[in-house]
Amino acid sequence: MQPSKNRRLAQPKRRVEGPQTTSRRPCPGP
């Protein structure tokens, strides 16, 4: 298992989920 590949995949995936979730949910809670 390569932790380097897992970290690279988690970085771009988190970035895409960040803006997408904000666009779909302008208010996550408060």
PDB file of N, CA and C in Angstrom:
ATOM      1  N   MET A   1       0.837  -1.217   0.000  1.00  0.00           N
ATOM      2  CA  MET A   1       0.000   0.000   0.000  1.00  0.00           C
ATOM      3  C   MET A   1       0.873   1.270   0.000  1.00  0.00           C
ATOM      4  N   GLN A   2       0.507   2.216  -0.798  1.00  0.00           N
ATOM      5  CA  GLN A   2       1.308   3.461  -0.846  1.00  0.00           C
ATOM      6  C   GLN A   2       0.541   4.617  -0.191  1.00  0.00           C
ATOM      7  N   PRO A   3       1.023   5.095   0.921  1.00  0.00           N
ATOM      8  CA  PRO A   3       0.353   6.227   1.598  1.00  0.00           C
ATOM      9  C   PRO A   3       0.433   7.501   0.752  1.00  0.00           C
ATOM     10  N   SER A   4       1.442   7.551  -0.106  1.00  0.00           N
ATOM     11  CA  SER A   4       1.614   8.752  -0.967  1.00  0.00           C
ATOM     12  C   SER A   4       0.446   8.815  -1.966  1.00  0.00           C
ATOM     13  N   LYS A   5       0.059   7.672  -2.511  1.00  0.00           N
ATOM     14  CA  LYS A   5      -1.032   7.665  -3.508  1.00  0.00           C
ATOM     15  C   LYS A   5      -2.364   7.960  -2.803  1.00  0.00           C
ATOM     16  N   ASN A   6      -2.485   7.467  -1.609  1.00  0.00           N
ATOM     17  CA  ASN A   6      -3.758   7.686  -0.871  1.00  0.00           C
ATOM     18  C   ASN A   6      -3.889   9.177  -0.529  1.00  0.00           C
ATOM     19  N   ARG A   7      -2.808   9.783  -0.204  1.00  0.00           N
ATOM     20  CA  ARG A   7      -2.836  11.228   0.195  1.00  0.00           C
ATOM     21  C   ARG A   7      -3.115  12.068  -1.056  1.00  0.00           C
ATOM     22  N   ARG A   8      -2.595  11.658  -2.156  1.00  0.00           N
ATOM     23  CA  ARG A   8      -2.780  12.457  -3.414  1.00  0.00           C
ATOM     24  C   ARG A   8      -4.244  12.310  -3.828  1.00  0.00           C
ATOM     25  N   LEU A   9      -4.793  11.160  -3.662  1.00  0.00           N
ATOM     26  CA  LEU A   9      -6.193  10.957  -4.105  1.00  0.00           C
ATOM     27  C   LEU A   9      -7.145  11.668  -3.131  1.00  0.00           C
ATOM     28  N   ALA A  10      -6.731  11.711  -1.883  1.00  0.00           N
ATOM     29  CA  ALA A  10      -7.622  12.347  -0.883  1.00  0.00           C
ATOM     30  C   ALA A  10      -7.572  13.873  -1.045  1.00  0.00           C
ATOM     31  N   GLN A  11      -6.447  14.378  -1.505  1.00  0.00           N
ATOM     32  CA  GLN A  11      -6.336  15.856  -1.641  1.00  0.00           C
ATOM     33  C   GLN A  11      -7.269  16.380  -2.747  1.00  0.00           C
ATOM     34  N   PRO A  12      -7.168  15.874  -3.948  1.00  0.00           N
ATOM     35  CA  PRO A  12      -8.023  16.371  -5.033  1.00  0.00           C
ATOM     36  C   PRO A  12      -9.491  16.033  -4.772  1.00  0.00           C
ATOM     37  N   LYS A  13      -9.740  14.898  -4.152  1.00  0.00           N
ATOM     38  CA  LYS A  13     -11.145  14.497  -3.919  1.00  0.00           C
ATOM     39  C   LYS A  13     -11.766  15.453  -2.881  1.00  0.00           C
ATOM     40  N   ARG A  14     -10.996  15.839  -1.910  1.00  0.00           N
ATOM     41  CA  ARG A  14     -11.528  16.732  -0.831  1.00  0.00           C
ATOM     42  C   ARG A  14     -11.755  18.126  -1.443  1.00  0.00           C
ATOM     43  N   ARG A  15     -10.928  18.500  -2.350  1.00  0.00           N
ATOM     44  CA  ARG A  15     -11.047  19.865  -2.954  1.00  0.00           C
ATOM     45  C   ARG A  15     -12.323  19.869  -3.807  1.00  0.00           C
ATOM     46  N   VAL A  16     -12.545  18.816  -4.521  1.00  0.00           N
ATOM     47  CA  VAL A  16     -13.748  18.787  -5.398  1.00  0.00           C
ATOM     48  C   VAL A  16     -15.006  18.706  -4.532  1.00  0.00           C
ATOM     49  N   GLU A  17     -14.883  18.013  -3.393  1.00  0.00           N
ATOM     50  CA  GLU A  17     -16.085  17.877  -2.523  1.00  0.00           C
ATOM     51  C   GLU A  17     -16.334  19.211  -1.781  1.00  0.00           C
ATOM     52  N   GLY A  18     -15.260  19.943  -1.534  1.00  0.00           N
ATOM     53  CA  GLY A  18     -15.410  21.209  -0.792  1.00  0.00           C
ATOM     54  C   GLY A  18     -16.308  22.191  -1.553  1.00  0.00           C
ATOM     55  N   PRO A  19     -15.911  22.585  -2.752  1.00  0.00           N
ATOM     56  CA  PRO A  19     -16.700  23.556  -3.521  1.00  0.00           C
ATOM     57  C   PRO A  19     -18.060  22.982  -3.908  1.00  0.00           C
ATOM     58  N   GLN A  20     -18.115  21.671  -4.162  1.00  0.00           N
ATOM     59  CA  GLN A  20     -19.399  21.056  -4.585  1.00  0.00           C
ATOM     60  C   GLN A  20     -20.398  21.109  -3.422  1.00  0.00           C
ATOM     61  N   THR A  21     -19.927  20.777  -2.242  1.00  0.00           N
ATOM     62  CA  THR A  21     -20.852  20.778  -1.072  1.00  0.00           C
ATOM     63  C   THR A  21     -21.294  22.213  -0.775  1.00  0.00           C
ATOM     64  N   THR A  22     -20.391  23.148  -0.960  1.00  0.00           N
ATOM     65  CA  THR A  22     -20.753  24.564  -0.668  1.00  0.00           C
ATOM     66  C   THR A  22     -21.787  25.046  -1.702  1.00  0.00           C
ATOM     67  N   SER A  23     -21.616  24.591  -2.917  1.00  0.00           N
ATOM     68  CA  SER A  23     -22.551  25.050  -3.973  1.00  0.00           C
ATOM     69  C   SER A  23     -23.932  24.404  -3.730  1.00  0.00           C
ATOM     70  N   ARG A  24     -23.931  23.176  -3.281  1.00  0.00           N
ATOM     71  CA  ARG A  24     -25.231  22.444  -3.075  1.00  0.00           C
ATOM     72  C   ARG A  24     -25.803  22.874  -1.735  1.00  0.00           C
ATOM     73  N   ARG A  25     -24.931  23.119  -0.768  1.00  0.00           N
ATOM     74  CA  ARG A  25     -25.432  23.493   0.596  1.00  0.00           C
ATOM     75  C   ARG A  25     -24.756  24.814   1.015  1.00  0.00           C
ATOM     76  N   PRO A  26     -25.352  25.923   0.772  1.00  0.00           N
ATOM     77  CA  PRO A  26     -24.755  27.216   1.152  1.00  0.00           C
ATOM     78  C   PRO A  26     -24.661  27.321   2.683  1.00  0.00           C
ATOM     79  N   CYS A  27     -25.556  26.617   3.378  1.00  0.00           N
ATOM     80  CA  CYS A  27     -25.528  26.638   4.871  1.00  0.00           C
ATOM     81  C   CYS A  27     -25.435  25.197   5.388  1.00  0.00           C
ATOM     82  N   PRO A  28     -24.260  24.763   5.813  1.00  0.00           N
ATOM     83  CA  PRO A  28     -24.091  23.381   6.294  1.00  0.00           C
ATOM     84  C   PRO A  28     -24.803  23.178   7.634  1.00  0.00           C
ATOM     85  N   GLY A  29     -25.146  24.241   8.329  1.00  0.00           N
ATOM     86  CA  GLY A  29     -25.802  24.045   9.628  1.00  0.00           C
ATOM     87  C   GLY A  29     -26.209  25.394  10.211  1.00  0.00           C
ATOM     88  N   PRO A  30     -25.239  26.122  10.718  1.00  0.00           N
ATOM     89  CA  PRO A  30     -25.525  27.448  11.311  1.00  0.00           C
ATOM     90  C   PRO A  30     -25.719  28.498  10.230  1.00  0.00           C
TER      91      PRO A  30
END
